[in-house]
């Protein structure tokens, strides 16, 4: 199934790109985190493994939730 993903270099939490790919897609040196409906993600923001959200700073204090209609 095709889904949207954040592309993040291994051992980091910084989103280097967002892609649309098959769920079996892999790229050496990176891991993929699915971008769920209603969650904003773009290049240059940070992924928080504890809550699964993406934030504008490494301190995980600013994020935006988007409601899709």
Protein backbone atom coordinates (compact mmCIF):
# COMPACT_ATOMS: atom_id res chain seq x y z
CA UNK A 1 0.00 0.00 0.00
CA UNK A 2 1.26 3.49 -0.86
CA UNK A 3 1.64 5.82 2.15
CA UNK A 4 3.32 9.11 3.13
CA UNK A 5 6.53 8.86 5.14
CA UNK A 6 9.07 11.05 6.86
CA UNK A 7 12.59 10.12 5.77
CA UNK A 8 14.98 10.32 8.74
CA UNK A 9 18.69 9.47 8.82
CA UNK A 10 19.57 6.60 11.16
CA UNK A 11 20.55 7.70 14.68
CA UNK A 12 18.82 11.09 14.25
CA UNK A 13 15.34 12.57 14.61
CA UNK A 14 15.57 15.28 11.92
CA UNK A 15 13.24 14.85 8.94
CA UNK A 16 15.36 15.20 5.79
CA UNK A 17 12.52 14.68 3.33
CA UNK A 18 8.94 13.50 2.99
CA UNK A 19 8.11 10.83 0.44
CA UNK A 20 5.25 8.74 -0.88
CA UNK A 21 6.24 5.09 -1.13
CA UNK A 22 5.12 1.50 -0.80
CA UNK A 23 5.21 0.25 2.79
CA UNK A 24 8.00 -2.18 1.90
CA UNK A 25 10.29 0.58 0.57
CA UNK A 26 13.69 0.85 2.27
CA UNK A 27 16.67 3.13 1.75
CA UNK A 28 20.09 2.45 3.25
CA UNK A 29 21.06 4.80 6.07
CA UNK A 30 17.51 6.00 6.74
CA UNK A 31 14.34 4.93 8.46
CA UNK A 32 10.77 5.81 7.50
CA UNK A 33 8.03 7.01 9.83
CA UNK A 34 4.50 6.99 8.49
CA UNK A 35 2.82 10.39 8.41
CA UNK A 36 -0.69 9.74 9.71
CA UNK A 37 -3.76 11.71 8.61
CA UNK A 38 -4.04 14.99 10.49
CA UNK A 39 -0.35 15.14 11.40
CA UNK A 40 1.81 17.83 9.81
CA UNK A 41 5.29 16.81 8.75
CA UNK A 42 7.78 18.61 6.55
CA UNK A 43 11.50 18.69 5.88
CA UNK A 44 13.53 20.22 8.70
CA UNK A 45 11.32 19.30 11.65
CA UNK A 46 11.97 16.72 14.37
CA UNK A 47 10.34 13.39 15.14
CA UNK A 48 9.47 12.55 18.75
CA UNK A 49 9.52 8.77 19.21
CA UNK A 50 7.59 9.01 22.49
CA UNK A 51 4.39 10.50 21.06
CA UNK A 52 4.82 9.88 17.31
CA UNK A 53 4.47 13.58 16.44
CA UNK A 54 6.68 15.98 14.52
CA UNK A 55 7.92 19.24 16.06
CA UNK A 56 9.58 22.45 14.89
CA UNK A 57 12.30 22.29 17.53
CA UNK A 58 14.42 19.64 19.20
CA UNK A 59 12.75 20.53 22.51
CA UNK A 60 9.42 19.12 21.21
CA UNK A 61 7.40 22.19 22.21
CA UNK A 62 5.82 23.39 18.95
CA UNK A 63 3.74 21.29 16.60
CA UNK A 64 0.62 21.78 14.48
CA UNK A 65 -2.26 19.36 14.15
CA UNK A 66 -4.16 19.66 10.88
CA UNK A 67 -7.78 18.58 10.51
CA UNK A 68 -8.50 17.13 7.10
CA UNK A 69 -12.04 17.54 5.81
